[in-house]
């Protein structure tokens, strides 16, 4: 099917641009900074791994990049369009059509089969049944789960469930996939297999991946490495546009 191949001709184009992002919370009379004046750019075809300890701001950063949450100040541009002026409905449409999400806890629907979980985003988009069937079959084949399509999540291993989650994130043809601790609930061997899969999908289909993790072993898969600490980003080794905190 080539779910991301239609974007290959724009590999290297700017998709996401975060400028001077700050996110604060009130705890009693105190202001707590989750992110401080962060700048970040993601290009089409990037594979960015963001490392940081618990409490460093990783999840907050991902929530802002996926427009699930809004910054206290600063702006997130998607395809050069500011998101701060968009309605919740417009942001939900962006997430449905251009942003794929992979969660630490898989977030699969337990009463649905693997195929039905992958199909679910297409149902929300009201895609025709033949198209849904074609896309689901192609993605399950891509992640090596065609023979397990009818199984429910409780009949799958952790690695298999994460592969279903990756297929679900990709089925609607997003330009970018954001993964929150995708190996945290997996043993090291299974985690390596999941990261190998994500890297292959990135290279073959030009889909941008941003992976946040506390696991330093994941960094070896990065095209770009970024460190997050106390709500600030620092670009590490790798190629690409720098992420920085002013």
Protein backbone atom coordinates (compact mmCIF):
# COMPACT_ATOMS: atom_id res chain seq x y z
CA UNK A 1 0.00 0.00 0.00
CA UNK A 2 2.90 2.41 0.72
CA UNK A 3 1.01 4.19 3.50
CA UNK A 4 3.66 6.91 3.89
CA UNK A 5 5.25 6.75 0.45
CA UNK A 6 3.22 9.67 -0.88
CA UNK A 7 5.37 11.93 1.34
CA UNK A 8 8.74 10.62 0.12
CA UNK A 9 9.12 13.39 -2.43
CA UNK A 10 9.18 15.94 0.42
CA UNK A 11 11.70 14.15 2.66
CA UNK A 12 13.49 16.86 4.60
CA UNK A 13 10.61 19.35 4.43
CA UNK A 14 9.69 21.05 7.70
CA UNK A 15 6.54 19.53 9.19
CA UNK A 16 6.57 20.63 12.83
CA UNK A 17 8.10 23.79 14.28
CA UNK A 18 7.83 24.60 17.99
CA UNK A 19 8.92 28.09 19.01
CA UNK A 20 9.70 29.28 22.54
CA UNK A 21 7.37 26.79 24.23
CA UNK A 22 6.79 27.17 27.94
CA UNK A 23 4.37 25.09 29.98
CA UNK A 24 3.65 25.89 33.62
CA UNK A 25 1.34 24.50 36.28
CA UNK A 26 0.12 25.99 39.53
CA UNK A 27 0.77 23.94 42.65
CA UNK A 28 -0.76 25.93 45.48
CA UNK A 29 0.86 29.35 45.30
CA UNK A 30 3.89 28.04 43.39
CA UNK A 31 4.42 28.08 39.62
CA UNK A 32 6.04 24.85 38.38
CA UNK A 33 7.78 24.82 34.99
CA UNK A 34 7.32 21.61 32.98
CA UNK A 35 8.96 23.14 29.86
CA UNK A 36 11.05 26.29 29.60
CA UNK A 37 11.40 28.31 26.40
CA UNK A 38 11.86 25.29 24.11
CA UNK A 39 12.51 25.42 20.36
CA UNK A 40 12.24 22.29 18.24
CA UNK A 41 11.95 21.44 14.54
CA UNK A 42 10.97 18.08 13.00
CA UNK A 43 11.61 17.43 9.32
CA UNK A 44 9.83 14.87 7.17
CA UNK A 45 11.78 11.62 7.46
CA UNK A 46 13.41 12.45 10.82
CA UNK A 47 13.85 9.79 13.48
CA UNK A 48 14.35 11.72 16.71
CA UNK A 49 14.95 10.08 20.08
CA UNK A 50 14.48 12.32 23.09
CA UNK A 51 16.07 10.96 26.27
CA UNK A 52 15.39 12.17 29.77
CA UNK A 53 14.71 10.95 33.30
CA UNK A 54 11.28 10.81 34.93
CA UNK A 55 9.94 14.29 35.59
CA UNK A 56 12.13 15.93 32.94
CA UNK A 57 9.19 17.10 30.81
CA UNK A 58 9.11 14.32 28.18
CA UNK A 59 5.39 13.60 28.33
CA UNK A 60 4.52 17.30 28.53
CA UNK A 61 6.61 17.90 25.42
CA UNK A 62 4.91 15.07 23.55
CA UNK A 63 1.45 16.30 24.55
CA UNK A 64 2.28 19.72 23.10
CA UNK A 65 3.72 18.28 19.89
CA UNK A 66 0.59 16.15 19.39
CA UNK A 67 -1.63 19.19 20.13
CA UNK A 68 -3.34 17.25 22.90
CA UNK A 69 -2.39 20.09 25.23
CA UNK A 70 -1.66 23.76 24.64
CA UNK A 71 1.45 25.64 25.83
CA UNK A 72 1.29 28.40 28.42
CA UNK A 73 3.27 30.49 25.96
CA UNK A 74 4.93 29.94 22.61
CA UNK A 75 3.61 28.38 19.42
CA UNK A 76 3.48 25.02 17.68
CA UNK A 77 3.35 25.30 13.89
CA UNK A 78 2.25 22.28 11.82
CA UNK A 79 2.98 22.66 8.11
CA UNK A 80 3.66 26.35 8.84
CA UNK A 81 0.18 26.86 10.31
CA UNK A 82 -0.08 28.07 13.93
CA UNK A 83 -2.12 25.77 16.15
CA UNK A 84 -2.89 28.25 18.94
CA UNK A 85 -5.70 29.81 16.91
CA UNK A 86 -7.27 26.52 15.89
CA UNK A 87 -10.39 25.12 17.59
CA UNK A 88 -10.44 21.83 19.47
CA UNK A 89 -12.27 20.31 16.52
CA UNK A 90 -9.57 21.44 14.10
CA UNK A 91 -6.84 20.05 16.38
CA UNK A 92 -8.70 16.75 16.67
CA UNK A 93 -8.83 16.59 12.87
CA UNK A 94 -5.06 17.17 12.73
CA UNK A 95 -4.49 14.27 15.12
CA UNK A 96 -6.81 11.99 13.14
CA UNK A 97 -5.23 12.71 9.77
CA UNK A 98 -1.59 13.73 10.23
CA UNK A 99 -0.38 12.58 13.66
CA UNK A 100 -0.04 8.98 14.84
CA UNK A 101 0.35 8.17 18.55
CA UNK A 102 2.00 5.14 20.19
CA UNK A 103 1.58 4.77 23.94
CA UNK A 104 3.63 3.05 26.65
CA UNK A 105 0.59 1.03 27.79
CA UNK A 106 -0.51 0.21 24.18
CA UNK A 107 -4.04 1.63 24.75
CA UNK A 108 -5.70 -1.11 22.70
CA UNK A 109 -9.43 -1.72 23.04
CA UNK A 110 -9.67 -5.09 24.83
CA UNK A 111 -12.94 -6.26 23.26
CA UNK A 112 -11.67 -5.71 19.70
CA UNK A 113 -9.41 -7.99 17.69
CA UNK A 114 -5.98 -6.86 16.45
CA UNK A 115 -7.47 -6.07 13.04
CA UNK A 116 -10.40 -4.17 14.57
CA UNK A 117 -8.04 -2.12 16.75
CA UNK A 118 -6.01 -1.14 13.67
CA UNK A 119 -9.20 -0.36 11.76
CA UNK A 120 -10.65 1.89 14.48
CA UNK A 121 -9.05 5.21 13.32
CA UNK A 122 -10.41 4.58 9.81
CA UNK A 123 -13.91 4.09 11.21
CA UNK A 124 -13.60 7.48 12.91
CA UNK A 125 -12.68 8.93 9.53
CA UNK A 126 -15.63 7.14 7.90
CA UNK A 127 -13.43 5.53 5.25
CA UNK A 128 -15.20 3.03 2.94
CA UNK A 129 -15.10 -0.60 4.04
CA UNK A 130 -13.00 -1.87 1.08
CA UNK A 131 -10.37 0.81 1.79
CA UNK A 132 -10.39 -0.04 5.51
CA UNK A 133 -9.90 -3.73 4.79
CA UNK A 134 -7.06 -3.06 2.36
CA UNK A 135 -5.23 -0.71 4.71
CA UNK A 136 -5.61 -2.96 7.76
CA UNK A 137 -4.40 -6.04 5.88
CA UNK A 138 -1.41 -4.10 4.52
CA UNK A 139 -0.39 -2.73 7.92
CA UNK A 140 -0.77 -6.04 9.73
CA UNK A 141 1.42 -7.62 7.07
CA UNK A 142 3.93 -4.78 7.41
CA UNK A 143 4.31 -5.41 11.17
CA UNK A 144 4.27 -9.20 10.79
CA UNK A 145 0.91 -9.94 12.39
CA UNK A 146 -1.30 -11.11 9.52
CA UNK A 147 -1.78 -14.52 11.13
CA UNK A 148 -2.88 -12.95 14.44
CA UNK A 149 -5.45 -10.52 13.03
CA UNK A 150 -8.40 -12.14 14.83
CA UNK A 151 -6.78 -12.30 18.26
CA UNK A 152 -7.74 -9.91 21.03
CA UNK A 153 -5.08 -8.00 23.00
CA UNK A 154 -5.15 -10.43 25.94
CA UNK A 155 -4.19 -13.20 23.52
CA UNK A 156 -1.09 -11.34 22.34
CA UNK A 157 2.35 -10.85 23.87
CA UNK A 158 3.55 -7.39 24.87
CA UNK A 159 5.63 -7.07 21.72
CA UNK A 160 2.73 -8.14 19.54
CA UNK A 161 0.42 -5.63 21.23
CA UNK A 162 2.94 -2.86 20.62
CA UNK A 163 3.15 -3.84 16.95
CA UNK A 164 -0.65 -3.62 16.74
CA UNK A 165 -0.39 -0.16 18.33
CA UNK A 166 2.21 0.89 15.74
CA UNK A 167 0.02 -0.40 12.90
CA UNK A 168 -2.94 1.53 14.32
CA UNK A 169 -0.81 4.71 14.52
CA UNK A 170 0.17 4.35 10.85
CA UNK A 171 -3.06 3.13 9.26
CA UNK A 172 -4.47 6.57 8.48
CA UNK A 173 -1.24 7.61 6.70
CA UNK A 174 0.11 10.19 9.17
CA UNK A 175 3.10 12.39 8.41
CA UNK A 176 4.49 12.01 11.94
CA UNK A 177 4.30 9.39 14.70
CA UNK A 178 4.89 10.35 18.33
CA UNK A 179 5.84 7.45 20.62
CA UNK A 180 5.78 7.75 24.42
CA UNK A 181 8.12 5.21 26.08
CA UNK A 182 7.29 2.51 23.47
CA UNK A 183 9.67 -0.07 25.02
CA UNK A 184 9.00 0.60 28.71
CA UNK A 185 6.71 -2.39 29.24
CA UNK A 186 8.78 -4.78 27.11
CA UNK A 187 11.81 -6.96 27.82
CA UNK A 188 15.05 -5.86 26.18
CA UNK A 189 14.89 -8.32 23.26
CA UNK A 190 11.28 -7.44 22.43
CA UNK A 191 12.06 -3.74 22.83
CA UNK A 192 14.86 -4.05 20.29
CA UNK A 193 12.52 -5.77 17.84
CA UNK A 194 9.94 -2.97 18.23
CA UNK A 195 12.57 -0.28 17.69
CA UNK A 196 13.95 -2.14 14.65
CA UNK A 197 10.43 -2.16 13.22
CA UNK A 198 9.88 1.55 13.82
CA UNK A 199 13.25 2.43 12.27
CA UNK A 200 12.49 0.31 9.19
CA UNK A 201 9.08 1.93 8.74
CA UNK A 202 10.70 5.34 9.03
CA UNK A 203 13.34 4.54 6.41
CA UNK A 204 11.02 2.81 3.94
CA UNK A 205 8.03 5.15 4.14
CA UNK A 206 9.45 8.57 5.09
CA UNK A 207 7.19 8.79 8.16
CA UNK A 208 8.73 11.03 10.83
CA UNK A 209 9.13 9.43 14.27
CA UNK A 210 9.67 11.25 17.56
CA UNK A 211 10.35 8.82 20.39
CA UNK A 212 10.59 9.97 24.01
CA UNK A 213 12.17 7.55 26.45
CA UNK A 214 14.14 7.22 29.66
CA UNK A 215 15.96 4.20 28.20
CA UNK A 216 19.42 5.23 26.89
CA UNK A 217 19.63 2.04 24.77
CA UNK A 218 16.94 3.42 22.46
CA UNK A 219 19.27 6.26 21.42
CA UNK A 220 21.24 4.02 19.07
CA UNK A 221 18.23 3.99 16.73
CA UNK A 222 18.17 7.77 16.45
CA UNK A 223 18.88 9.81 13.37
CA UNK A 224 18.89 12.73 15.81
CA UNK A 225 19.44 12.55 19.54
CA UNK A 226 17.98 15.13 21.90
CA UNK A 227 18.34 15.34 25.67
CA UNK A 228 15.61 16.78 27.87
CA UNK A 229 16.38 17.85 31.43
CA UNK A 230 14.42 20.14 33.75
CA UNK A 231 12.15 21.12 30.87
CA UNK A 232 14.94 22.15 28.49
CA UNK A 233 16.09 20.48 25.25
CA UNK A 234 19.67 20.01 24.13
CA UNK A 235 20.61 18.56 20.75
CA UNK A 236 22.99 15.59 20.88
CA UNK A 237 24.73 13.57 18.21
CA UNK A 238 23.11 13.03 14.83
CA UNK A 239 22.11 15.00 11.78
CA UNK A 240 19.26 17.40 11.31
CA UNK A 241 17.98 20.75 12.48
CA UNK A 242 18.97 21.55 16.03
CA UNK A 243 16.57 21.56 18.92
CA UNK A 244 17.42 24.17 21.50
CA UNK A 245 16.25 26.12 24.48
CA UNK A 246 16.98 29.82 24.37
